Amino acid sequence: MTGQAVGNRIKKLEESGVIKNYSLIVDEKKLGLTYTAFIIIYMITTNHDSFIQVMNDRDEVVEVHRVSGEGCYHLKVKVSSQEQLNIFLDKILDYGNYSVHLSIK
């Protein structure tokens, strides 16, 4: 197939919704992001919109999931140091308590 034919086929797949998005795989260690933490948030406020906005604005937050079961939210964060993690955790205290689980591998 020619490059133009491939491009047209990809465009049709995107427009029909078969291809929804593209992803990029980043070597986080090369960026200095050596710590991965999973944080369970136990909200003490009903201001969830403000919490979500703050999480969306934080570079260290990779994922935010509102969950049923243990806690209100589960976060996945990546940081370069324990100090950076502590600074982030201090900000969370405005919204609730937390428990932290560090990834070891």
PDB file of N, CA and C in Angstrom:
ATOM      1  N   MET A   1       0.842  -1.193   0.000  1.00  0.00           N
ATOM      2  CA  MET A   1       0.000   0.000   0.000  1.00  0.00           C
ATOM      3  C   MET A   1       0.886   1.256   0.000  1.00  0.00           C
ATOM      4  N   THR A   2       0.361   2.284  -0.602  1.00  0.00           N
ATOM      5  CA  THR A   2       1.083   3.551  -0.596  1.00  0.00           C
ATOM      6  C   THR A   2       0.882   4.242   0.754  1.00  0.00           C
ATOM      7  N   GLY A   3       1.735   5.207   1.040  1.00  0.00           N
ATOM      8  CA  GLY A   3       1.597   5.972   2.281  1.00  0.00           C
ATOM      9  C   GLY A   3       0.263   6.684   2.347  1.00  0.00           C
ATOM     10  N   GLN A   4      -0.206   7.208   1.207  1.00  0.00           N
ATOM     11  CA  GLN A   4      -1.484   7.915   1.174  1.00  0.00           C
ATOM     12  C   GLN A   4      -2.640   6.957   1.455  1.00  0.00           C
ATOM     13  N   ALA A   5      -2.589   5.743   0.919  1.00  0.00           N
ATOM     14  CA  ALA A   5      -3.644   4.752   1.149  1.00  0.00           C
ATOM     15  C   ALA A   5      -3.691   4.351   2.625  1.00  0.00           C
ATOM     16  N   VAL A   6      -2.526   4.181   3.229  1.00  0.00           N
ATOM     17  CA  VAL A   6      -2.461   3.845   4.656  1.00  0.00           C
ATOM     18  C   VAL A   6      -3.042   4.990   5.475  1.00  0.00           C
ATOM     19  N   GLY A   7      -2.654   6.225   5.137  1.00  0.00           N
ATOM     20  CA  GLY A   7      -3.167   7.393   5.846  1.00  0.00           C
ATOM     21  C   GLY A   7      -4.681   7.495   5.751  1.00  0.00           C
ATOM     22  N   ASN A   8      -5.236   7.242   4.559  1.00  0.00           N
ATOM     23  CA  ASN A   8      -6.695   7.284   4.380  1.00  0.00           C
ATOM     24  C   ASN A   8      -7.387   6.208   5.204  1.00  0.00           C
ATOM     25  N   ARG A   9      -6.794   5.035   5.224  1.00  0.00           N
ATOM     26  CA  ARG A   9      -7.390   3.937   6.001  1.00  0.00           C
ATOM     27  C   ARG A   9      -7.390   4.270   7.490  1.00  0.00           C
ATOM     28  N   ILE A  10      -6.278   4.810   7.987  1.00  0.00           N
ATOM     29  CA  ILE A  10      -6.199   5.199   9.406  1.00  0.00           C
ATOM     30  C   ILE A  10      -7.223   6.281   9.711  1.00  0.00           C
ATOM     31  N   LYS A  11      -7.357   7.251   8.835  1.00  0.00           N
ATOM     32  CA  LYS A  11      -8.327   8.335   9.049  1.00  0.00           C
ATOM     33  C   LYS A  11      -9.746   7.783   9.156  1.00  0.00           C
ATOM     34  N   LYS A  12     -10.109   6.838   8.278  1.00  0.00           N
ATOM     35  CA  LYS A  12     -11.443   6.229   8.323  1.00  0.00           C
ATOM     36  C   LYS A  12     -11.648   5.471   9.634  1.00  0.00           C
ATOM     37  N   LEU A  13     -10.619   4.762  10.097  1.00  0.00           N
ATOM     38  CA  LEU A  13     -10.726   4.025  11.357  1.00  0.00           C
ATOM     39  C   LEU A  13     -10.892   4.981  12.535  1.00  0.00           C
ATOM     40  N   GLU A  14     -10.214   6.126  12.483  1.00  0.00           N
ATOM     41  CA  GLU A  14     -10.368   7.133  13.540  1.00  0.00           C
ATOM     42  C   GLU A  14     -11.775   7.718  13.526  1.00  0.00           C
ATOM     43  N   GLU A  15     -12.257   8.081  12.350  1.00  0.00           N
ATOM     44  CA  GLU A  15     -13.581   8.696  12.225  1.00  0.00           C
ATOM     45  C   GLU A  15     -14.698   7.748  12.627  1.00  0.00           C
ATOM     46  N   SER A  16     -14.531   6.450  12.385  1.00  0.00           N
ATOM     47  CA  SER A  16     -15.563   5.479  12.747  1.00  0.00           C
ATOM     48  C   SER A  16     -15.499   5.068  14.211  1.00  0.00           C
ATOM     49  N   GLY A  17     -14.447   5.511  14.918  1.00  0.00           N
ATOM     50  CA  GLY A  17     -14.332   5.196  16.336  1.00  0.00           C
ATOM     51  C   GLY A  17     -13.591   3.904  16.629  1.00  0.00           C
ATOM     52  N   VAL A  18     -13.117   3.210  15.612  1.00  0.00           N
ATOM     53  CA  VAL A  18     -12.350   1.982  15.835  1.00  0.00           C
ATOM     54  C   VAL A  18     -11.035   2.330  16.530  1.00  0.00           C
ATOM     55  N   ILE A  19     -10.360   3.364  16.052  1.00  0.00           N
ATOM     56  CA  ILE A  19      -9.165   3.877  16.739  1.00  0.00           C
ATOM     57  C   ILE A  19      -9.627   5.044  17.594  1.00  0.00           C
ATOM     58  N   LYS A  20      -9.540   4.881  18.916  1.00  0.00           N
ATOM     59  CA  LYS A  20     -10.026   5.908  19.834  1.00  0.00           C
ATOM     60  C   LYS A  20      -8.935   6.881  20.250  1.00  0.00           C
ATOM     61  N   ASN A  21      -7.726   6.392  20.436  1.00  0.00           N
ATOM     62  CA  ASN A  21      -6.633   7.284  20.817  1.00  0.00           C
ATOM     63  C   ASN A  21      -5.303   6.579  20.583  1.00  0.00           C
ATOM     64  N   TYR A  22      -4.264   7.346  20.787  1.00  0.00           N
ATOM     65  CA  TYR A  22      -2.903   6.836  20.655  1.00  0.00           C
ATOM     66  C   TYR A  22      -2.236   6.973  22.011  1.00  0.00           C
ATOM     67  N   SER A  23      -1.219   6.178  22.255  1.00  0.00           N
ATOM     68  CA  SER A  23      -0.530   6.270  23.537  1.00  0.00           C
ATOM     69  C   SER A  23       0.963   6.442  23.313  1.00  0.00           C
ATOM     70  N   LEU A  24       1.575   6.940  24.349  1.00  0.00           N
ATOM     71  CA  LEU A  24       3.003   7.191  24.330  1.00  0.00           C
ATOM     72  C   LEU A  24       3.584   6.516  25.566  1.00  0.00           C
ATOM     73  N   ILE A  25       4.640   5.760  25.399  1.00  0.00           N
ATOM     74  CA  ILE A  25       5.275   5.094  26.528  1.00  0.00           C
ATOM     75  C   ILE A  25       6.527   5.872  26.888  1.00  0.00           C
ATOM     76  N   VAL A  26       6.569   6.370  28.115  1.00  0.00           N
ATOM     77  CA  VAL A  26       7.664   7.217  28.580  1.00  0.00           C
ATOM     78  C   VAL A  26       8.506   6.431  29.576  1.00  0.00           C
ATOM     79  N   ASP A  27       9.804   6.528  29.477  1.00  0.00           N
ATOM     80  CA  ASP A  27      10.697   5.920  30.453  1.00  0.00           C
ATOM     81  C   ASP A  27      10.785   6.884  31.645  1.00  0.00           C
ATOM     82  N   GLU A  28       9.976   6.632  32.643  1.00  0.00           N
ATOM     83  CA  GLU A  28       9.864   7.542  33.787  1.00  0.00           C
ATOM     84  C   GLU A  28      11.156   7.631  34.594  1.00  0.00           C
ATOM     85  N   LYS A  29      11.922   6.569  34.620  1.00  0.00           N
ATOM     86  CA  LYS A  29      13.183   6.604  35.360  1.00  0.00           C
ATOM     87  C   LYS A  29      14.146   7.616  34.742  1.00  0.00           C
ATOM     88  N   LYS A  30      14.127   7.728  33.418  1.00  0.00           N
ATOM     89  CA  LYS A  30      14.992   8.703  32.760  1.00  0.00           C
ATOM     90  C   LYS A  30      14.549  10.136  33.063  1.00  0.00           C
ATOM     91  N   LEU A  31      13.294  10.300  33.458  1.00  0.00           N
ATOM     92  CA  LEU A  31      12.792  11.613  33.871  1.00  0.00           C
ATOM     93  C   LEU A  31      12.996  11.855  35.360  1.00  0.00           C
ATOM     94  N   GLY A  32      13.535  10.840  36.050  1.00  0.00           N
ATOM     95  CA  GLY A  32      13.780  10.970  37.481  1.00  0.00           C
ATOM     96  C   GLY A  32      12.592  10.600  38.348  1.00  0.00           C
ATOM     97  N   LEU A  33      11.554  10.042  37.768  1.00  0.00           N
ATOM     98  CA  LEU A  33      10.369   9.650  38.542  1.00  0.00           C
ATOM     99  C   LEU A  33      10.554   8.220  39.040  1.00  0.00           C
ATOM    100  N   THR A  34      11.264   8.095  40.164  1.00  0.00           N
ATOM    101  CA  THR A  34      11.662   6.779  40.650  1.00  0.00           C
ATOM    102  C   THR A  34      10.700   6.180  41.668  1.00  0.00           C
ATOM    103  N   TYR A  35       9.775   6.969  42.191  1.00  0.00           N
ATOM    104  CA  TYR A  35       8.828   6.474  43.190  1.00  0.00           C
ATOM    105  C   TYR A  35       7.421   6.455  42.606  1.00  0.00           C
ATOM    106  N   THR A  36       6.760   5.311  42.736  1.00  0.00           N
ATOM    107  CA  THR A  36       5.344   5.192  42.386  1.00  0.00           C
ATOM    108  C   THR A  36       4.593   4.883  43.668  1.00  0.00           C
ATOM    109  N   ALA A  37       3.549   5.675  43.928  1.00  0.00           N
ATOM    110  CA  ALA A  37       2.746   5.471  45.134  1.00  0.00           C
ATOM    111  C   ALA A  37       1.278   5.345  44.752  1.00  0.00           C
ATOM    112  N   PHE A  38       0.601   4.461  45.454  1.00  0.00           N
ATOM    113  CA  PHE A  38      -0.844   4.320  45.327  1.00  0.00           C
ATOM    114  C   PHE A  38      -1.432   4.860  46.622  1.00  0.00           C
ATOM    115  N   ILE A  39      -2.316   5.829  46.511  1.00  0.00           N
ATOM    116  CA  ILE A  39      -2.835   6.536  47.680  1.00  0.00           C
ATOM    117  C   ILE A  39      -4.343   6.367  47.722  1.00  0.00           C
ATOM    118  N   ILE A  40      -4.836   5.965  48.883  1.00  0.00           N
ATOM    119  CA  ILE A  40      -6.275   5.865  49.108  1.00  0.00           C
ATOM    120  C   ILE A  40      -6.686   7.101  49.896  1.00  0.00           C
ATOM    121  N   ILE A  41      -7.660   7.843  49.361  1.00  0.00           N
ATOM    122  CA  ILE A  41      -8.133   9.077  49.989  1.00  0.00           C
ATOM    123  C   ILE A  41      -9.457   8.813  50.688  1.00  0.00           C
ATOM    124  N   TYR A  42      -9.536   9.238  51.940  1.00  0.00           N
ATOM    125  CA  TYR A  42     -10.763   9.175  52.734  1.00  0.00           C
ATOM    126  C   TYR A  42     -11.238  10.615  52.912  1.00  0.00           C
ATOM    127  N   MET A  43     -12.179  11.043  52.088  1.00  0.00           N
ATOM    128  CA  MET A  43     -12.608  12.446  52.055  1.00  0.00           C
ATOM    129  C   MET A  43     -13.238  12.872  53.379  1.00  0.00           C
ATOM    130  N   ILE A  44     -12.889  14.093  53.813  1.00  0.00           N
ATOM    131  CA  ILE A  44     -13.525  14.693  54.990  1.00  0.00           C
ATOM    132  C   ILE A  44     -14.363  15.905  54.584  1.00  0.00           C
ATOM    133  N   THR A  45     -14.424  16.151  53.274  1.00  0.00           N
ATOM    134  CA  THR A  45     -15.200  17.263  52.744  1.00  0.00           C
ATOM    135  C   THR A  45     -16.101  16.739  51.637  1.00  0.00           C
ATOM    136  N   THR A  46     -17.160  17.474  51.365  1.00  0.00           N
ATOM    137  CA  THR A  46     -18.042  17.097  50.257  1.00  0.00           C
ATOM    138  C   THR A  46     -17.688  17.854  48.979  1.00  0.00           C
ATOM    139  N   ASN A  47     -16.606  18.612  49.025  1.00  0.00           N
ATOM    140  CA  ASN A  47     -16.186  19.410  47.880  1.00  0.00           C
ATOM    141  C   ASN A  47     -15.342  18.562  46.917  1.00  0.00           C
ATOM    142  N   HIS A  48     -15.979  17.606  46.297  1.00  0.00           N
ATOM    143  CA  HIS A  48     -15.273  16.691  45.411  1.00  0.00           C
ATOM    144  C   HIS A  48     -14.794  17.391  44.139  1.00  0.00           C
ATOM    145  N   ASP A  49     -15.566  18.363  43.640  1.00  0.00           N
ATOM    146  CA  ASP A  49     -15.168  19.065  42.417  1.00  0.00           C
ATOM    147  C   ASP A  49     -13.838  19.781  42.604  1.00  0.00           C
ATOM    148  N   SER A  50     -13.662  20.421  43.741  1.00  0.00           N
ATOM    149  CA  SER A  50     -12.407  21.108  44.029  1.00  0.00           C
ATOM    150  C   SER A  50     -11.255  20.110  44.113  1.00  0.00           C
ATOM    151  N   PHE A  51     -11.491  18.985  44.755  1.00  0.00           N
ATOM    152  CA  PHE A  51     -10.474  17.942  44.871  1.00  0.00           C
ATOM    153  C   PHE A  51     -10.054  17.449  43.487  1.00  0.00           C
ATOM    154  N   ILE A  52     -11.030  17.149  42.640  1.00  0.00           N
ATOM    155  CA  ILE A  52     -10.737  16.652  41.291  1.00  0.00           C
ATOM    156  C   ILE A  52      -9.952  17.696  40.503  1.00  0.00           C
ATOM    157  N   GLN A  53     -10.321  18.963  40.634  1.00  0.00           N
ATOM    158  CA  GLN A  53      -9.598  20.021  39.921  1.00  0.00           C
ATOM    159  C   GLN A  53      -8.139  20.086  40.361  1.00  0.00           C
ATOM    160  N   VAL A  54      -7.911  19.999  41.673  1.00  0.00           N
ATOM    161  CA  VAL A  54      -6.539  20.022  42.188  1.00  0.00           C
ATOM    162  C   VAL A  54      -5.762  18.816  41.675  1.00  0.00           C
ATOM    163  N   MET A  55      -6.382  17.648  41.665  1.00  0.00           N
ATOM    164  CA  MET A  55      -5.700  16.445  41.178  1.00  0.00           C
ATOM    165  C   MET A  55      -5.361  16.576  39.689  1.00  0.00           C
ATOM    166  N   ASN A  56      -6.268  17.155  38.907  1.00  0.00           N
ATOM    167  CA  ASN A  56      -6.011  17.344  37.477  1.00  0.00           C
ATOM    168  C   ASN A  56      -4.873  18.326  37.224  1.00  0.00           C
ATOM    169  N   ASP A  57      -4.662  19.248  38.149  1.00  0.00           N
ATOM    170  CA  ASP A  57      -3.612  20.255  37.994  1.00  0.00           C
ATOM    171  C   ASP A  57      -2.243  19.789  38.486  1.00  0.00           C
ATOM    172  N   ARG A  58      -2.176  18.662  39.149  1.00  0.00           N
ATOM    173  CA  ARG A  58      -0.915  18.177  39.720  1.00  0.00           C
ATOM    174  C   ARG A  58      -0.190  17.273  38.723  1.00  0.00           C
ATOM    175  N   ASP A  59       1.060  17.608  38.425  1.00  0.00           N
ATOM    176  CA  ASP A  59       1.840  16.821  37.466  1.00  0.00           C
ATOM    177  C   ASP A  59       2.143  15.418  37.967  1.00  0.00           C
ATOM    178  N   GLU A  60       2.258  15.247  39.278  1.00  0.00           N
ATOM    179  CA  GLU A  60       2.637  13.938  39.813  1.00  0.00           C
ATOM    180  C   GLU A  60       1.493  12.930  39.792  1.00  0.00           C
ATOM    181  N   VAL A  61       0.265  13.397  39.578  1.00  0.00           N
ATOM    182  CA  VAL A  61      -0.890  12.491  39.574  1.00  0.00           C
ATOM    183  C   VAL A  61      -1.038  11.873  38.190  1.00  0.00           C
ATOM    184  N   VAL A  62      -0.961  10.549  38.154  1.00  0.00           N
ATOM    185  CA  VAL A  62      -1.079   9.800  36.909  1.00  0.00           C
ATOM    186  C   VAL A  62      -2.516   9.352  36.686  1.00  0.00           C
ATOM    187  N   GLU A  63      -3.170   8.879  37.754  1.00  0.00           N
ATOM    188  CA  GLU A  63      -4.541   8.388  37.657  1.00  0.00           C
ATOM    189  C   GLU A  63      -5.314   8.778  38.906  1.00  0.00           C
ATOM    190  N   VAL A  64      -6.622   9.032  38.728  1.00  0.00           N
ATOM    191  CA  VAL A  64      -7.545   9.278  39.839  1.00  0.00           C
ATOM    192  C   VAL A  64      -8.790   8.440  39.560  1.00  0.00           C
ATOM    193  N   HIS A  65      -9.164   7.616  40.538  1.00  0.00           N
ATOM    194  CA  HIS A  65     -10.352   6.775  40.395  1.00  0.00           C
ATOM    195  C   HIS A  65     -11.264   6.999  41.594  1.00  0.00           C
ATOM    196  N   ARG A  66     -12.523   7.376  41.355  1.00  0.00           N
ATOM    197  CA  ARG A  66     -13.511   7.406  42.434  1.00  0.00           C
ATOM    198  C   ARG A  66     -14.019   5.973  42.562  1.00  0.00           C
ATOM    199  N   VAL A  67     -13.982   5.451  43.771  1.00  0.00           N
ATOM    200  CA  VAL A  67     -14.253   4.027  43.961  1.00  0.00           C
ATOM    201  C   VAL A  67     -15.327   3.800  45.018  1.00  0.00           C
ATOM    202  N   SER A  68     -15.899   2.608  44.961  1.00  0.00           N
ATOM    203  CA  SER A  68     -16.716   2.136  46.072  1.00  0.00           C
ATOM    204  C   SER A  68     -15.833   1.180  46.861  1.00  0.00           C
ATOM    205  N   GLY A  69     -16.161   0.984  48.113  1.00  0.00           N
ATOM    206  CA  GLY A  69     -15.315   0.119  48.930  1.00  0.00           C
ATOM    207  C   GLY A  69     -14.415   0.943  49.813  1.00  0.00           C
ATOM    208  N   GLU A  70     -13.156   0.554  49.897  1.00  0.00           N
ATOM    209  CA  GLU A  70     -12.221   1.241  50.783  1.00  0.00           C
ATOM    210  C   GLU A  70     -11.861   2.618  50.235  1.00  0.00           C
ATOM    211  N   GLY A  71     -12.127   3.645  51.008  1.00  0.00           N
ATOM    212  CA  GLY A  71     -11.801   5.004  50.618  1.00  0.00           C
ATOM    213  C   GLY A  71     -12.772   5.569  49.606  1.00  0.00           C
ATOM    214  N   CYS A  72     -12.538   6.815  49.239  1.00  0.00           N
ATOM    215  CA  CYS A  72     -13.365   7.502  48.251  1.00  0.00           C
ATOM    216  C   CYS A  72     -12.677   7.569  46.890  1.00  0.00           C
ATOM    217  N   TYR A  73     -11.350   7.750  46.924  1.00  0.00           N
ATOM    218  CA  TYR A  73     -10.565   7.850  45.700  1.00  0.00           C
ATOM    219  C   TYR A  73      -9.294   7.023  45.843  1.00  0.00           C
ATOM    220  N   HIS A  74      -8.860   6.457  44.731  1.00  0.00           N
ATOM    221  CA  HIS A  74      -7.552   5.812  44.651  1.00  0.00           C
ATOM    222  C   HIS A  74      -6.739   6.609  43.642  1.00  0.00           C
ATOM    223  N   LEU A  75      -5.532   6.994  44.046  1.00  0.00           N
ATOM    224  CA  LEU A  75      -4.647   7.762  43.185  1.00  0.00           C
ATOM    225  C   LEU A  75      -3.410   6.946  42.858  1.00  0.00           C
ATOM    226  N   LYS A  76      -2.883   7.183  41.697  1.00  0.00           N
ATOM    227  CA  LYS A  76      -1.560   6.673  41.331  1.00  0.00           C
ATOM    228  C   LYS A  76      -0.710   7.909  41.066  1.00  0.00           C
ATOM    229  N   VAL A  77       0.391   8.038  41.809  1.00  0.00           N
ATOM    230  CA  VAL A  77       1.270   9.190  41.638  1.00  0.00           C
ATOM    231  C   VAL A  77       2.695   8.717  41.388  1.00  0.00           C
ATOM    232  N   LYS A  78       3.446   9.535  40.654  1.00  0.00           N
ATOM    233  CA  LYS A  78       4.855   9.254  40.381  1.00  0.00           C
ATOM    234  C   LYS A  78       5.646  10.501  40.757  1.00  0.00           C
ATOM    235  N   VAL A  79       6.666  10.291  41.591  1.00  0.00           N
ATOM    236  CA  VAL A  79       7.475  11.407  42.082  1.00  0.00           C
ATOM    237  C   VAL A  79       8.955  11.047  42.005  1.00  0.00           C
ATOM    238  N   SER A  80       9.779  12.077  42.153  1.00  0.00           N
ATOM    239  CA  SER A  80      11.224  11.868  42.063  1.00  0.00           C
ATOM    240  C   SER A  80      11.872  11.622  43.420  1.00  0.00           C
ATOM    241  N   SER A  81      11.147  11.931  44.514  1.00  0.00           N
ATOM    242  CA  SER A  81      11.751  11.770  45.841  1.00  0.00           C
ATOM    243  C   SER A  81      10.666  11.606  46.896  1.00  0.00           C
ATOM    244  N   GLN A  82      11.098  11.129  48.058  1.00  0.00           N
ATOM    245  CA  GLN A  82      10.167  11.042  49.177  1.00  0.00           C
ATOM    246  C   GLN A  82       9.739  12.432  49.631  1.00  0.00           C
ATOM    247  N   GLU A  83      10.638  13.393  49.506  1.00  0.00           N
ATOM    248  CA  GLU A  83      10.296  14.770  49.875  1.00  0.00           C
ATOM    249  C   GLU A  83       9.161  15.303  48.995  1.00  0.00           C
ATOM    250  N   GLN A  84       9.230  15.042  47.702  1.00  0.00           N
ATOM    251  CA  GLN A  84       8.167  15.470  46.802  1.00  0.00           C
ATOM    252  C   GLN A  84       6.850  14.783  47.155  1.00  0.00           C
ATOM    253  N   LEU A  85       6.917  13.504  47.518  1.00  0.00           N
ATOM    254  CA  LEU A  85       5.718  12.781  47.932  1.00  0.00           C
ATOM    255  C   LEU A  85       5.142  13.397  49.201  1.00  0.00           C
ATOM    256  N   ASN A  86       5.985  13.730  50.167  1.00  0.00           N
ATOM    257  CA  ASN A  86       5.500  14.344  51.412  1.00  0.00           C
ATOM    258  C   ASN A  86       4.827  15.688  51.161  1.00  0.00           C
ATOM    259  N   ILE A  87       5.380  16.481  50.271  1.00  0.00           N
ATOM    260  CA  ILE A  87       4.764  17.771  49.935  1.00  0.00           C
ATOM    261  C   ILE A  87       3.387  17.546  49.324  1.00  0.00           C
ATOM    262  N   PHE A  88       3.279  16.566  48.429  1.00  0.00           N
ATOM    263  CA  PHE A  88       1.995  16.241  47.818  1.00  0.00           C
ATOM    264  C   PHE A  88       0.991  15.762  48.869  1.00  0.00           C
ATOM    265  N   LEU A  89       1.433  14.897  49.779  1.00  0.00           N
ATOM    266  CA  LEU A  89       0.540  14.373  50.811  1.00  0.00           C
ATOM    267  C   LEU A  89       0.036  15.482  51.731  1.00  0.00           C
ATOM    268  N   ASP A  90       0.879  16.469  52.025  1.00  0.00           N
ATOM    269  CA  ASP A  90       0.444  17.607  52.842  1.00  0.00           C
ATOM    270  C   ASP A  90      -0.712  18.353  52.182  1.00  0.00           C
ATOM    271  N   LYS A  91      -0.706  18.454  50.864  1.00  0.00           N
ATOM    272  CA  LYS A  91      -1.777  19.135  50.140  1.00  0.00           C
ATOM    273  C   LYS A  91      -3.078  18.343  50.186  1.00  0.00           C
ATOM    274  N   ILE A  92      -2.961  17.022  50.213  1.00  0.00           N
ATOM    275  CA  ILE A  92      -4.153  16.171  50.266  1.00  0.00           C
ATOM    276  C   ILE A  92      -4.906  16.355  51.586  1.00  0.00           C
ATOM    277  N   LEU A  93      -4.201  16.678  52.643  1.00  0.00           N
ATOM    278  CA  LEU A  93      -4.830  16.808  53.965  1.00  0.00           C
ATOM    279  C   LEU A  93      -5.936  17.856  53.996  1.00  0.00           C
ATOM    280  N   ASP A  94      -5.949  18.783  53.047  1.00  0.00           N
ATOM    281  CA  ASP A  94      -7.044  19.749  52.964  1.00  0.00           C
ATOM    282  C   ASP A  94      -8.364  19.073  52.628  1.00  0.00           C
ATOM    283  N   TYR A  95      -8.302  17.897  52.028  1.00  0.00           N
ATOM    284  CA  TYR A  95      -9.502  17.207  51.560  1.00  0.00           C
ATOM    285  C   TYR A  95      -9.840  15.955  52.346  1.00  0.00           C
ATOM    286  N   GLY A  96      -8.848  15.367  53.001  1.00  0.00           N
ATOM    287  CA  GLY A  96      -9.136  14.150  53.732  1.00  0.00           C
ATOM    288  C   GLY A  96      -7.878  13.469  54.216  1.00  0.00           C
ATOM    289  N   ASN A  97      -8.085  12.333  54.821  1.00  0.00           N
ATOM    290  CA  ASN A  97      -6.977  11.499  55.277  1.00  0.00           C
ATOM    291  C   ASN A  97      -6.603  10.529  54.168  1.00  0.00           C
ATOM    292  N   TYR A  98      -5.491   9.849  54.349  1.00  0.00           N
ATOM    293  CA  TYR A  98      -5.017   8.971  53.291  1.00  0.00           C
ATOM    294  C   TYR A  98      -4.234   7.812  53.867  1.00  0.00           C
ATOM    295  N   SER A  99      -4.071   6.806  53.028  1.00  0.00           N
ATOM    296  CA  SER A  99      -3.093   5.755  53.290  1.00  0.00           C
ATOM    297  C   SER A  99      -2.275   5.618  52.021  1.00  0.00           C
ATOM    298  N   VAL A 100      -0.993   5.301  52.190  1.00  0.00           N
ATOM    299  CA  VAL A 100      -0.047   5.273  51.069  1.00  0.00           C
ATOM    300  C   VAL A 100       0.524   3.872  50.942  1.00  0.00           C
ATOM    301  N   HIS A 101       0.608   3.413  49.711  1.00  0.00           N
ATOM    302  CA  HIS A 101       1.243   2.138  49.397  1.00  0.00           C
ATOM    303  C   HIS A 101       2.294   2.419  48.344  1.00  0.00           C
ATOM    304  N   LEU A 102       3.561   2.171  48.664  1.00  0.00           N
ATOM    305  CA  LEU A 102       4.651   2.389  47.721  1.00  0.00           C
ATOM    306  C   LEU A 102       4.897   1.154  46.889  1.00  0.00           C
ATOM    307  N   SER A 103       5.074   1.359  45.594  1.00  0.00           N
ATOM    308  CA  SER A 103       5.404   0.259  44.703  1.00  0.00           C
ATOM    309  C   SER A 103       6.880  -0.097  44.906  1.00  0.00           C
ATOM    310  N   ILE A 104       7.172  -1.377  45.019  1.00  0.00           N
ATOM    311  CA  ILE A 104       8.559  -1.783  45.197  1.00  0.00           C
ATOM    312  C   ILE A 104       9.153  -2.402  43.937  1.00  0.00           C
ATOM    313  N   LYS A 105       8.313  -2.632  42.931  1.00  0.00           N
ATOM    314  CA  LYS A 105       8.825  -3.168  41.669  1.00  0.00           C
ATOM    315  C   LYS A 105       7.839  -2.898  40.566  1.00  0.00           C
TER     316      LYS A 105
END
